[in-house]
Amino acid sequence: MLTKESPILSITFLGIAVITLSISPILTRISENELGAYATIFNRFWITSLALILGNSIKILWDKQSDRSFINTQ
């Protein structure tokens, strides 16, 4: 089972972050040629805000589930 201290979960998220950061300059260059500088900045902020909202939602659900399992074990 995956826990907050699980190394598999940490390594997975680290891998996702590394891949995202390594692809970012390529995608920025492509989108600047296709869309323009202002549209590229807007799209990056929009995608980042969605990622942060999703991450916070997962964290809230994870915390609720861990609280329930803690209460059930007592």
N, C-alpha and C. Protein backbone atom coordinates (compact mmCIF):
# COMPACT_ATOMS: atom_id res chain seq x y z
N MET A 1 0.84 -1.18 0.00
CA MET A 1 0.00 0.00 0.00
C MET A 1 0.88 1.24 0.00
N LEU A 2 0.44 2.26 -0.69
CA LEU A 2 1.20 3.50 -0.75
C LEU A 2 0.86 4.36 0.46
N THR A 3 1.88 4.85 1.12
CA THR A 3 1.70 5.76 2.23
C THR A 3 2.40 7.07 1.91
N LYS A 4 2.26 8.02 2.81
CA LYS A 4 2.92 9.31 2.57
C LYS A 4 4.43 9.17 2.56
N GLU A 5 4.95 8.19 3.27
CA GLU A 5 6.39 8.00 3.35
C GLU A 5 6.91 7.03 2.28
N SER A 6 6.07 6.60 1.38
CA SER A 6 6.43 5.61 0.38
C SER A 6 7.46 6.17 -0.61
N PRO A 7 8.60 5.47 -0.78
CA PRO A 7 9.59 5.96 -1.74
C PRO A 7 9.12 5.83 -3.19
N ILE A 8 8.22 4.89 -3.46
CA ILE A 8 7.72 4.72 -4.82
C ILE A 8 6.93 5.95 -5.24
N LEU A 9 6.11 6.45 -4.36
CA LEU A 9 5.31 7.64 -4.66
C LEU A 9 6.21 8.85 -4.88
N SER A 10 7.22 9.00 -4.05
CA SER A 10 8.15 10.13 -4.19
C SER A 10 8.93 10.06 -5.49
N ILE A 11 9.42 8.89 -5.83
CA ILE A 11 10.20 8.72 -7.06
C ILE A 11 9.32 8.94 -8.28
N THR A 12 8.08 8.51 -8.22
CA THR A 12 7.15 8.72 -9.33
C THR A 12 6.92 10.21 -9.57
N PHE A 13 6.63 10.94 -8.50
CA PHE A 13 6.40 12.38 -8.66
C PHE A 13 7.66 13.11 -9.09
N LEU A 14 8.81 12.67 -8.62
CA LEU A 14 10.07 13.26 -9.05
C LEU A 14 10.29 13.02 -10.55
N GLY A 15 10.00 11.83 -11.02
CA GLY A 15 10.14 11.52 -12.44
C GLY A 15 9.21 12.36 -13.30
N ILE A 16 7.96 12.53 -12.84
CA ILE A 16 7.01 13.37 -13.57
C ILE A 16 7.50 14.80 -13.64
N ALA A 17 8.05 15.31 -12.52
CA ALA A 17 8.55 16.69 -12.50
C ALA A 17 9.74 16.86 -13.44
N VAL A 18 10.64 15.89 -13.46
CA VAL A 18 11.82 15.99 -14.33
C VAL A 18 11.41 15.97 -15.80
N ILE A 19 10.51 15.08 -16.16
CA ILE A 19 10.04 15.01 -17.55
C ILE A 19 9.34 16.30 -17.94
N THR A 20 8.50 16.82 -17.07
CA THR A 20 7.79 18.06 -17.37
C THR A 20 8.75 19.22 -17.56
N LEU A 21 9.72 19.34 -16.68
CA LEU A 21 10.68 20.44 -16.80
C LEU A 21 11.58 20.30 -18.02
N SER A 22 11.90 19.07 -18.41
CA SER A 22 12.77 18.90 -19.57
C SER A 22 12.03 19.15 -20.88
N ILE A 23 10.75 18.93 -20.93
CA ILE A 23 9.97 19.15 -22.15
C ILE A 23 9.51 20.61 -22.27
N SER A 24 9.47 21.32 -21.18
CA SER A 24 8.93 22.68 -21.15
C SER A 24 9.57 23.64 -22.16
N PRO A 25 10.91 23.72 -22.26
CA PRO A 25 11.47 24.67 -23.25
C PRO A 25 11.09 24.34 -24.69
N ILE A 26 11.00 23.07 -25.01
CA ILE A 26 10.63 22.68 -26.37
C ILE A 26 9.21 23.11 -26.68
N LEU A 27 8.31 22.84 -25.74
CA LEU A 27 6.91 23.21 -25.96
C LEU A 27 6.73 24.73 -25.98
N THR A 28 7.52 25.43 -25.20
CA THR A 28 7.44 26.90 -25.21
C THR A 28 7.88 27.45 -26.56
N ARG A 29 8.96 26.91 -27.10
CA ARG A 29 9.45 27.37 -28.40
C ARG A 29 8.42 27.09 -29.50
N ILE A 30 7.83 25.93 -29.47
CA ILE A 30 6.82 25.58 -30.48
C ILE A 30 5.61 26.49 -30.36
N SER A 31 5.14 26.71 -29.13
CA SER A 31 3.93 27.52 -28.97
C SER A 31 4.19 28.99 -29.27
N GLU A 32 5.40 29.49 -29.04
CA GLU A 32 5.70 30.88 -29.41
C GLU A 32 5.63 31.06 -30.92
N ASN A 33 6.06 30.05 -31.66
CA ASN A 33 6.00 30.15 -33.12
C ASN A 33 4.57 30.05 -33.62
N GLU A 34 3.76 29.26 -32.96
CA GLU A 34 2.40 29.03 -33.42
C GLU A 34 1.41 30.07 -32.90
N LEU A 35 1.54 30.44 -31.61
CA LEU A 35 0.52 31.29 -30.99
C LEU A 35 0.95 32.73 -30.78
N GLY A 36 2.16 32.93 -30.37
CA GLY A 36 2.63 34.25 -29.98
C GLY A 36 3.01 34.23 -28.50
N ALA A 37 3.75 35.25 -28.10
CA ALA A 37 4.30 35.28 -26.74
C ALA A 37 3.23 35.41 -25.67
N TYR A 38 2.27 36.29 -25.85
CA TYR A 38 1.24 36.50 -24.82
C TYR A 38 0.33 35.29 -24.67
N ALA A 39 -0.04 34.67 -25.76
CA ALA A 39 -0.87 33.47 -25.69
C ALA A 39 -0.12 32.33 -25.02
N THR A 40 1.18 32.24 -25.25
CA THR A 40 2.00 31.21 -24.61
C THR A 40 2.04 31.40 -23.11
N ILE A 41 2.24 32.63 -22.67
CA ILE A 41 2.27 32.92 -21.23
C ILE A 41 0.91 32.61 -20.61
N PHE A 42 -0.17 33.02 -21.26
CA PHE A 42 -1.51 32.74 -20.74
C PHE A 42 -1.75 31.24 -20.63
N ASN A 43 -1.38 30.49 -21.66
CA ASN A 43 -1.60 29.05 -21.63
C ASN A 43 -0.78 28.37 -20.53
N ARG A 44 0.45 28.81 -20.31
CA ARG A 44 1.28 28.22 -19.26
C ARG A 44 0.71 28.50 -17.88
N PHE A 45 0.22 29.72 -17.65
CA PHE A 45 -0.40 30.02 -16.36
C PHE A 45 -1.69 29.24 -16.17
N TRP A 46 -2.47 29.09 -17.22
CA TRP A 46 -3.72 28.36 -17.15
C TRP A 46 -3.47 26.88 -16.83
N ILE A 47 -2.54 26.27 -17.52
CA ILE A 47 -2.21 24.86 -17.28
C ILE A 47 -1.62 24.68 -15.88
N THR A 48 -0.78 25.61 -15.44
CA THR A 48 -0.21 25.52 -14.11
C THR A 48 -1.28 25.64 -13.04
N SER A 49 -2.21 26.53 -13.23
CA SER A 49 -3.28 26.68 -12.23
C SER A 49 -4.13 25.41 -12.16
N LEU A 50 -4.40 24.79 -13.28
CA LEU A 50 -5.14 23.53 -13.26
C LEU A 50 -4.36 22.43 -12.54
N ALA A 51 -3.06 22.37 -12.78
CA ALA A 51 -2.23 21.37 -12.12
C ALA A 51 -2.20 21.59 -10.61
N LEU A 52 -2.10 22.85 -10.18
CA LEU A 52 -2.09 23.13 -8.75
C LEU A 52 -3.44 22.81 -8.10
N ILE A 53 -4.53 23.13 -8.76
CA ILE A 53 -5.85 22.80 -8.24
C ILE A 53 -6.01 21.29 -8.13
N LEU A 54 -5.59 20.57 -9.13
CA LEU A 54 -5.68 19.11 -9.10
C LEU A 54 -4.81 18.54 -7.98
N GLY A 55 -3.60 19.07 -7.83
CA GLY A 55 -2.71 18.60 -6.77
C GLY A 55 -3.27 18.86 -5.39
N ASN A 56 -3.83 20.04 -5.19
CA ASN A 56 -4.44 20.36 -3.90
C ASN A 56 -5.66 19.48 -3.62
N SER A 57 -6.44 19.20 -4.64
CA SER A 57 -7.61 18.34 -4.47
C SER A 57 -7.19 16.93 -4.07
N ILE A 58 -6.16 16.41 -4.72
CA ILE A 58 -5.66 15.08 -4.38
C ILE A 58 -5.14 15.07 -2.95
N LYS A 59 -4.43 16.12 -2.54
CA LYS A 59 -3.91 16.19 -1.17
C LYS A 59 -5.05 16.21 -0.16
N ILE A 60 -6.10 16.98 -0.43
CA ILE A 60 -7.24 17.04 0.49
C ILE A 60 -7.90 15.68 0.60
N LEU A 61 -8.12 15.01 -0.53
CA LEU A 61 -8.72 13.68 -0.49
C LEU A 61 -7.83 12.68 0.22
N TRP A 62 -6.51 12.77 0.01
CA TRP A 62 -5.55 11.87 0.66
C TRP A 62 -5.60 12.07 2.18
N ASP A 63 -5.65 13.33 2.62
CA ASP A 63 -5.70 13.61 4.05
C ASP A 63 -7.01 13.12 4.68
N LYS A 64 -8.12 13.29 3.97
CA LYS A 64 -9.40 12.80 4.49
C LYS A 64 -9.39 11.28 4.64
N GLN A 65 -8.82 10.60 3.64
CA GLN A 65 -8.77 9.15 3.69
C GLN A 65 -7.86 8.68 4.83
N SER A 66 -6.73 9.34 5.03
CA SER A 66 -5.83 8.94 6.11
C SER A 66 -6.45 9.23 7.47
N ASP A 67 -7.24 10.31 7.58
CA ASP A 67 -7.94 10.59 8.83
C ASP A 67 -8.99 9.52 9.12
N ARG A 68 -9.69 9.07 8.10
CA ARG A 68 -10.70 8.01 8.29
C ARG A 68 -10.06 6.71 8.71
N SER A 69 -8.94 6.36 8.09
CA SER A 69 -8.29 5.11 8.45
C SER A 69 -7.72 5.19 9.85
N PHE A 70 -7.28 6.38 10.28
CA PHE A 70 -6.77 6.55 11.64
C PHE A 70 -7.90 6.38 12.66
N ILE A 71 -9.08 6.93 12.37
CA ILE A 71 -10.22 6.82 13.26
C ILE A 71 -10.71 5.38 13.33
N ASN A 72 -10.71 4.67 12.21
CA ASN A 72 -11.18 3.28 12.18
C ASN A 72 -10.25 2.35 12.93
N THR A 73 -8.96 2.67 13.03
CA THR A 73 -8.03 1.79 13.72
C THR A 73 -8.09 1.98 15.22
N GLN A 74 -8.68 3.05 15.69
CA GLN A 74 -8.75 3.29 17.13
C GLN A 74 -9.92 2.60 17.77
